[in-house]
Amino acid sequence: MDTGAATACVLIIGNEILSGKTQDTNLQFLGAELAAKGITLVEARVLRDDKAAIVTAVNQCRAAYTYVFTT
């Protein structure tokens, strides 16, 4: 049953995140801001710098959630 509640997914993109060279600082901020606006953050994914993987993830998430954010 669709309750009409807005949902979101965050795609964090970058080999530097996966290697541990860079720490993601966007997810916590986005989660708090979305919650304040009544949007439920349902999923977050970390993806390597690979065009095909990014396109696949964006297409999967846009079919499942109201909003898709990439960082």
C-alpha atoms as a PDB file:
ATOM      1  CA  MET A   1       0.000   0.000   0.000  1.00  0.00           C
ATOM      2  CA  ASP A   2       1.436   3.365  -1.049  1.00  0.00           C
ATOM      3  CA  THR A   3       1.119   5.821   1.822  1.00  0.00           C
ATOM      4  CA  GLY A   4       2.466   8.674  -0.275  1.00  0.00           C
ATOM      5  CA  ALA A   5       5.370   9.191   2.111  1.00  0.00           C
ATOM      6  CA  ALA A   6       8.454  10.555   0.367  1.00  0.00           C
ATOM      7  CA  THR A   7      11.529   8.329   0.398  1.00  0.00           C
ATOM      8  CA  ALA A   8      15.135   8.846  -0.606  1.00  0.00           C
ATOM      9  CA  CYS A   9      18.341   7.050  -1.471  1.00  0.00           C
ATOM     10  CA  VAL A  10      21.880   8.459  -1.364  1.00  0.00           C
ATOM     11  CA  LEU A  11      24.535   7.191  -3.758  1.00  0.00           C
ATOM     12  CA  ILE A  12      28.028   7.984  -2.506  1.00  0.00           C
ATOM     13  CA  ILE A  13      30.391   7.716  -5.452  1.00  0.00           C
ATOM     14  CA  GLY A  14      34.150   7.451  -5.363  1.00  0.00           C
ATOM     15  CA  ASN A  15      37.045   5.044  -5.204  1.00  0.00           C
ATOM     16  CA  GLU A  16      38.582   7.314  -2.557  1.00  0.00           C
ATOM     17  CA  ILE A  17      35.655   6.566  -0.222  1.00  0.00           C
ATOM     18  CA  LEU A  18      35.967   2.817  -0.765  1.00  0.00           C
ATOM     19  CA  SER A  19      39.735   2.858  -0.245  1.00  0.00           C
ATOM     20  CA  GLY A  20      39.427   4.763   3.020  1.00  0.00           C
ATOM     21  CA  LYS A  21      41.491   7.713   1.756  1.00  0.00           C
ATOM     22  CA  THR A  22      38.497  10.037   2.129  1.00  0.00           C
ATOM     23  CA  GLN A  23      35.754   9.917   4.730  1.00  0.00           C
ATOM     24  CA  ASP A  24      32.188  10.625   3.640  1.00  0.00           C
ATOM     25  CA  THR A  25      30.710  13.597   5.474  1.00  0.00           C
ATOM     26  CA  ASN A  26      27.559  14.041   3.397  1.00  0.00           C
ATOM     27  CA  LEU A  27      25.399  11.129   4.537  1.00  0.00           C
ATOM     28  CA  GLN A  28      24.845  12.292   8.108  1.00  0.00           C
ATOM     29  CA  PHE A  29      24.016  15.823   6.937  1.00  0.00           C
ATOM     30  CA  LEU A  30      21.617  14.627   4.229  1.00  0.00           C
ATOM     31  CA  GLY A  31      19.912  12.185   6.588  1.00  0.00           C
ATOM     32  CA  ALA A  32      19.234  14.905   9.150  1.00  0.00           C
ATOM     33  CA  GLU A  33      18.066  17.454   6.569  1.00  0.00           C
ATOM     34  CA  LEU A  34      15.774  14.967   4.840  1.00  0.00           C
ATOM     35  CA  ALA A  35      14.267  13.831   8.150  1.00  0.00           C
ATOM     36  CA  ALA A  36      13.594  17.465   9.076  1.00  0.00           C
ATOM     37  CA  LYS A  37      11.604  17.755   5.843  1.00  0.00           C
ATOM     38  CA  GLY A  38       9.649  14.551   6.448  1.00  0.00           C
ATOM     39  CA  ILE A  39      11.544  12.498   3.854  1.00  0.00           C
ATOM     40  CA  THR A  40      12.631   9.032   4.959  1.00  0.00           C
ATOM     41  CA  LEU A  41      16.166   8.064   3.949  1.00  0.00           C
ATOM     42  CA  VAL A  42      15.728   4.383   3.162  1.00  0.00           C
ATOM     43  CA  GLU A  43      19.016   3.407   1.544  1.00  0.00           C
ATOM     44  CA  ALA A  44      22.601   4.551   1.033  1.00  0.00           C
ATOM     45  CA  ARG A  45      25.105   2.903  -1.302  1.00  0.00           C
ATOM     46  CA  VAL A  46      28.816   3.453  -1.828  1.00  0.00           C
ATOM     47  CA  LEU A  47      29.870   2.939  -5.442  1.00  0.00           C
ATOM     48  CA  ARG A  48      33.213   2.770  -7.197  1.00  0.00           C
ATOM     49  CA  ASP A  49      34.027   5.190 -10.018  1.00  0.00           C
ATOM     50  CA  ASP A  50      32.510   3.012 -12.724  1.00  0.00           C
ATOM     51  CA  LYS A  51      30.027   4.523 -15.180  1.00  0.00           C
ATOM     52  CA  ALA A  52      28.048   1.313 -15.744  1.00  0.00           C
ATOM     53  CA  ALA A  53      27.723   0.642 -11.993  1.00  0.00           C
ATOM     54  CA  ILE A  54      26.605   4.226 -11.362  1.00  0.00           C
ATOM     55  CA  VAL A  55      24.008   4.147 -14.168  1.00  0.00           C
ATOM     56  CA  THR A  56      22.644   0.830 -12.899  1.00  0.00           C
ATOM     57  CA  ALA A  57      22.379   2.099  -9.315  1.00  0.00           C
ATOM     58  CA  VAL A  58      20.714   5.374 -10.347  1.00  0.00           C
ATOM     59  CA  ASN A  59      18.150   3.518 -12.450  1.00  0.00           C
ATOM     60  CA  GLN A  60      17.402   1.020  -9.655  1.00  0.00           C
ATOM     61  CA  CYS A  61      17.014   3.748  -7.057  1.00  0.00           C
ATOM     62  CA  ARG A  62      14.938   6.121  -9.155  1.00  0.00           C
ATOM     63  CA  ALA A  63      12.474   3.288  -9.750  1.00  0.00           C
ATOM     64  CA  ALA A  64      12.202   2.595  -6.020  1.00  0.00           C
ATOM     65  CA  TYR A  65      12.409   5.986  -4.265  1.00  0.00           C
ATOM     66  CA  THR A  66      10.940   9.461  -4.563  1.00  0.00           C
ATOM     67  CA  TYR A  67      14.371  11.133  -4.502  1.00  0.00           C
ATOM     68  CA  VAL A  68      17.883  10.007  -5.426  1.00  0.00           C
ATOM     69  CA  PHE A  69      20.900  12.016  -4.285  1.00  0.00           C
ATOM     70  CA  THR A  70      24.461  11.529  -5.492  1.00  0.00           C
ATOM     71  CA  THR A  71      27.587  12.783  -3.759  1.00  0.00           C
END
